[in-house]
Amino acid sequence: MNDDNSCLFERIRKGDETAFELVYKSYVSRLYYFVYEYVPNTDIVENIVQETFMTLWNKRTTLADNTNLGAYLFTVARNNCLYKLRDRRYKQRLFKSTDVDESELNENLDSLSAIDMSLISFSEIEQIIEHTIRRLPPQCRTVFLLSRFEDKKNREISEELGISLKTVEMHVSRALKLFRTTLKDYLPFTIFLFVR
């Protein structure tokens, strides 16, 4: 766990709501896109993500000292997804609200069940993301951070930085190309970087 996450985790354990909000902002998009890959219904996805953060808050005092926030949140989200995909009521909601058929849902369930969260190194993913961001040229890095980590629209970035919309699009495209290479083995956990 990097030092920032370790510090945030300790603050959350002590009931610091500001630290919890920082973690929420940092992970909400990542969890949303991860869950949506397996449960393609925005209402259910939003519920799963909210339940995931509620679980972190409610269990904060009982978690181990060396808990990795990313690993914990993705594990809880995965388990919530599995529960929903196995529950007949949620399956019916998915059939009614999407064009997903039962075989696709079963494939999602199988692939999600097969992910061994204990083998996923979330600190490794975070290090790859940080290292890749550092490799980007300064303006490209700034544009990408505004786009993917502050959820700003391309037009907002263009106006904020005083550059053309085409330049913003070019920087985002350039960054994504590099990330697709460096994170190819971790796509379900980093999909939030690629979807807009």
Protein backbone atom coordinates (compact mmCIF):
# COMPACT_ATOMS: atom_id res chain seq x y z
CA MET A 1 0.00 0.00 0.00
CA ASN A 2 1.49 3.38 -0.89
CA ASP A 3 2.00 5.93 1.89
CA ASP A 4 -0.94 8.13 0.84
CA ASN A 5 -3.40 5.22 0.94
CA SER A 6 -1.93 3.99 4.21
CA CYS A 7 -2.42 7.42 5.78
CA LEU A 8 -5.96 7.72 4.38
CA PHE A 9 -6.80 4.25 5.66
CA GLU A 10 -5.64 5.15 9.17
CA ARG A 11 -7.69 8.34 9.08
CA ILE A 12 -10.78 6.43 7.90
CA ARG A 13 -10.34 3.92 10.72
CA LYS A 14 -10.51 6.83 13.14
CA GLY A 15 -13.77 8.04 11.56
CA ASP A 16 -12.34 10.88 9.45
CA GLU A 17 -15.09 11.66 6.91
CA THR A 18 -12.81 13.91 4.84
CA ALA A 19 -10.41 11.00 4.28
CA PHE A 20 -13.37 8.80 3.36
CA GLU A 21 -14.53 11.40 0.79
CA LEU A 22 -11.03 11.45 -0.74
CA VAL A 23 -11.05 7.67 -1.10
CA TYR A 24 -14.58 7.80 -2.50
CA LYS A 25 -13.58 10.35 -5.16
CA SER A 26 -10.48 8.38 -6.02
CA TYR A 27 -12.22 5.01 -6.44
CA VAL A 28 -15.85 5.66 -7.39
CA SER A 29 -15.23 5.81 -11.17
CA ARG A 30 -12.91 2.82 -11.09
CA LEU A 31 -15.42 0.71 -9.21
CA TYR A 32 -18.32 1.87 -11.37
CA TYR A 33 -16.69 0.79 -14.63
CA PHE A 34 -15.37 -2.44 -13.12
CA VAL A 35 -18.86 -3.42 -11.90
CA TYR A 36 -20.53 -2.31 -15.14
CA GLU A 37 -18.34 -4.75 -17.07
CA TYR A 38 -20.18 -7.60 -15.34
CA VAL A 39 -23.57 -6.11 -14.34
CA PRO A 40 -24.74 -3.88 -17.23
CA ASN A 41 -27.48 -1.97 -15.41
CA THR A 42 -26.71 1.52 -14.13
CA ASP A 43 -29.14 1.38 -11.19
CA ILE A 44 -27.75 -1.93 -9.94
CA VAL A 45 -24.17 -0.77 -10.55
CA GLU A 46 -24.76 2.41 -8.54
CA ASN A 47 -26.24 0.32 -5.71
CA ILE A 48 -23.27 -2.06 -5.72
CA VAL A 49 -20.78 0.82 -5.64
CA GLN A 50 -22.64 2.56 -2.80
CA GLU A 51 -22.86 -0.72 -0.86
CA THR A 52 -19.13 -1.18 -1.36
CA PHE A 53 -18.30 2.18 0.19
CA MET A 54 -20.83 1.64 2.98
CA THR A 55 -19.11 -1.66 3.78
CA LEU A 56 -15.73 0.09 4.01
CA TRP A 57 -17.16 2.72 6.36
CA ASN A 58 -19.12 0.26 8.50
CA LYS A 59 -16.22 -2.20 8.86
CA ARG A 60 -13.41 0.38 9.07
CA THR A 61 -12.56 -0.35 12.72
CA THR A 62 -12.35 -4.13 12.22
CA LEU A 63 -10.05 -4.19 9.16
CA ALA A 64 -6.46 -5.39 9.45
CA ASP A 65 -3.68 -2.81 9.79
CA ASN A 66 -2.17 -3.71 6.41
CA THR A 67 -5.45 -3.54 4.45
CA ASN A 68 -4.93 -2.28 0.91
CA LEU A 69 -7.82 0.10 0.15
CA GLY A 70 -7.92 -0.71 -3.56
CA ALA A 71 -7.83 -4.46 -3.04
CA TYR A 72 -10.45 -4.25 -0.31
CA LEU A 73 -12.85 -2.10 -2.35
CA PHE A 74 -12.54 -4.22 -5.50
CA THR A 75 -13.00 -7.43 -3.48
CA VAL A 76 -16.16 -6.11 -1.83
CA ALA A 77 -17.48 -4.88 -5.20
CA ARG A 78 -16.69 -8.25 -6.81
CA ASN A 79 -18.51 -10.13 -4.05
CA ASN A 80 -21.51 -7.80 -4.34
CA CYS A 81 -21.57 -8.42 -8.11
CA LEU A 82 -21.45 -12.17 -7.60
CA TYR A 83 -24.34 -11.99 -5.15
CA LYS A 84 -26.44 -9.95 -7.59
CA LEU A 85 -25.62 -12.17 -10.57
CA ARG A 86 -26.66 -15.26 -8.59
CA ASP A 87 -29.86 -13.73 -7.22
CA ARG A 88 -32.93 -14.53 -9.32
CA ARG A 89 -34.61 -11.15 -8.63
CA TYR A 90 -31.62 -9.19 -9.88
CA LYS A 91 -31.29 -11.42 -12.92
CA GLN A 92 -34.91 -10.65 -13.80
CA ARG A 93 -34.23 -6.91 -13.47
CA LEU A 94 -31.23 -7.25 -15.76
CA PHE A 95 -33.25 -9.15 -18.38
CA LYS A 96 -35.96 -6.49 -18.33
CA SER A 97 -33.66 -3.47 -18.42
CA THR A 98 -30.91 -4.56 -20.84
CA ASP A 99 -30.44 -6.61 -23.96
CA VAL A 100 -28.27 -9.07 -22.05
CA ASP A 101 -29.32 -12.68 -22.27
CA GLU A 102 -28.91 -15.40 -19.67
CA SER A 103 -25.88 -16.97 -21.31
CA GLU A 104 -24.03 -13.64 -21.25
CA LEU A 105 -24.88 -13.13 -17.58
CA ASN A 106 -23.65 -16.65 -16.84
CA GLU A 107 -20.39 -15.89 -18.68
CA ASN A 108 -20.01 -12.72 -16.62
CA LEU A 109 -20.63 -14.72 -13.46
CA ASP A 110 -18.08 -17.35 -14.46
CA SER A 111 -15.37 -14.85 -15.39
CA LEU A 112 -15.95 -12.81 -12.24
CA SER A 113 -15.87 -15.97 -10.12
CA ALA A 114 -12.58 -16.96 -11.75
CA ILE A 115 -10.81 -13.75 -10.75
CA ASP A 116 -8.59 -14.59 -7.81
CA MET A 117 -8.44 -11.28 -5.99
CA SER A 118 -5.59 -12.54 -3.81
CA LEU A 119 -3.39 -12.76 -6.91
CA ILE A 120 -4.20 -9.22 -8.06
CA SER A 121 -1.58 -6.78 -6.89
CA PHE A 122 -3.44 -3.51 -6.55
CA SER A 123 -0.32 -1.76 -5.35
CA GLU A 124 1.36 -2.99 -8.55
CA ILE A 125 -1.50 -1.55 -10.63
CA GLU A 126 -1.23 1.77 -8.79
CA GLN A 127 2.53 1.82 -9.36
CA ILE A 128 2.09 1.11 -13.08
CA ILE A 129 -0.49 3.91 -13.34
CA GLU A 130 1.78 6.35 -11.47
CA HIS A 131 4.83 5.33 -13.51
CA THR A 132 2.90 5.65 -16.79
CA ILE A 133 1.57 9.08 -15.81
CA ARG A 134 5.14 10.21 -15.03
CA ARG A 135 6.23 9.03 -18.52
CA LEU A 136 3.72 11.34 -20.22
CA PRO A 137 4.93 14.73 -21.47
CA PRO A 138 3.90 17.53 -19.04
CA GLN A 139 0.92 18.93 -20.98
CA CYS A 140 -0.30 15.46 -21.93
CA ARG A 141 -0.06 14.45 -18.27
CA THR A 142 -2.03 17.50 -17.15
CA VAL A 143 -4.77 16.91 -19.73
CA PHE A 144 -5.04 13.22 -18.87
CA LEU A 145 -5.23 13.83 -15.12
CA LEU A 146 -7.95 16.43 -15.61
CA SER A 147 -9.86 14.08 -17.91
CA ARG A 148 -9.61 10.79 -16.04
CA PHE A 149 -8.99 11.70 -12.42
CA GLU A 150 -11.00 14.92 -12.15
CA ASP A 151 -13.73 13.83 -14.60
CA LYS A 152 -13.58 17.03 -16.63
CA LYS A 153 -15.01 17.17 -20.12
CA ASN A 154 -12.67 17.88 -23.04
CA ARG A 155 -14.24 21.31 -23.58
CA GLU A 156 -13.67 22.24 -19.92
CA ILE A 157 -10.02 21.18 -20.19
CA SER A 158 -9.62 23.13 -23.41
CA GLU A 159 -10.96 26.28 -21.77
CA GLU A 160 -9.03 25.79 -18.52
CA LEU A 161 -5.69 25.25 -20.24
CA GLY A 162 -6.26 27.61 -23.17
CA ILE A 163 -5.63 24.93 -25.79
CA SER A 164 -7.77 23.69 -28.67
CA LEU A 165 -10.27 20.88 -28.30
CA LYS A 166 -8.31 18.90 -30.91
CA THR A 167 -5.15 19.24 -28.81
CA VAL A 168 -6.99 17.93 -25.74
CA GLU A 169 -8.30 14.96 -27.74
CA MET A 170 -4.83 14.26 -29.11
CA HIS A 171 -3.29 14.27 -25.61
CA VAL A 172 -5.98 11.96 -24.20
CA SER A 173 -5.59 9.60 -27.16
CA ARG A 174 -1.80 9.57 -26.78
CA ALA A 175 -2.04 8.80 -23.05
CA LEU A 176 -4.62 6.05 -23.57
CA LYS A 177 -2.42 4.39 -26.17
CA LEU A 178 0.41 4.16 -23.64
CA PHE A 179 -1.91 2.94 -20.87
CA ARG A 180 -3.37 0.20 -23.10
CA THR A 181 0.13 -1.20 -23.40
CA THR A 182 1.23 -0.84 -19.78
CA LEU A 183 -2.06 -2.07 -18.25
CA LYS A 184 -3.07 -4.76 -20.73
CA ASP A 185 -2.98 -7.47 -18.05
CA TYR A 186 -5.22 -5.50 -15.67
CA LEU A 187 -7.98 -4.19 -17.93
CA PRO A 188 -11.03 -5.08 -15.81
CA PHE A 189 -9.54 -3.09 -12.92
CA THR A 190 -8.46 -0.09 -14.99
CA ILE A 191 -11.35 0.21 -17.44
CA PHE A 192 -12.25 3.58 -15.87
CA LEU A 193 -9.22 5.07 -17.67
CA PHE A 194 -10.48 4.05 -21.10
CA VAL A 195 -14.23 4.69 -20.95
CA ARG A 196 -15.83 8.12 -21.44
